[in-house]
Protein backbone atom coordinates (compact mmCIF):
# COMPACT_ATOMS: atom_id res chain seq x y z
CA MET A 1 -2.58 1.50 8.86
CA ARG A 2 -3.69 0.71 5.77
CA TYR A 3 -0.36 -0.06 4.72
CA ALA A 4 -0.51 -3.24 6.39
CA SER A 5 -4.04 -3.91 5.11
CA LEU A 6 -2.40 -3.91 1.62
CA GLY A 7 0.23 -6.63 2.64
CA GLY A 8 3.28 -4.56 4.37
CA GLY A 9 3.71 -1.37 2.30
CA SER A 10 5.94 -2.61 -0.41
CA ARG A 11 2.61 -3.15 -2.66
CA VAL A 12 1.42 0.32 -1.72
CA ALA A 13 3.85 1.57 -4.01
CA LEU A 14 2.57 -0.92 -7.17
CA LEU A 15 -0.76 0.40 -6.18
CA PRO A 16 -1.51 3.97 -8.30
CA SER A 17 -4.79 4.03 -6.85
CA VAL A 18 -3.20 3.92 -2.78
CA PRO A 19 -1.40 7.29 -2.22
CA ARG A 20 1.63 6.65 0.52
């Protein structure tokens, strides 16, 4: 999943460019 690519998912919330 893209979440894993970002680094876990916690950072997903910090990245506005990335929708959940």
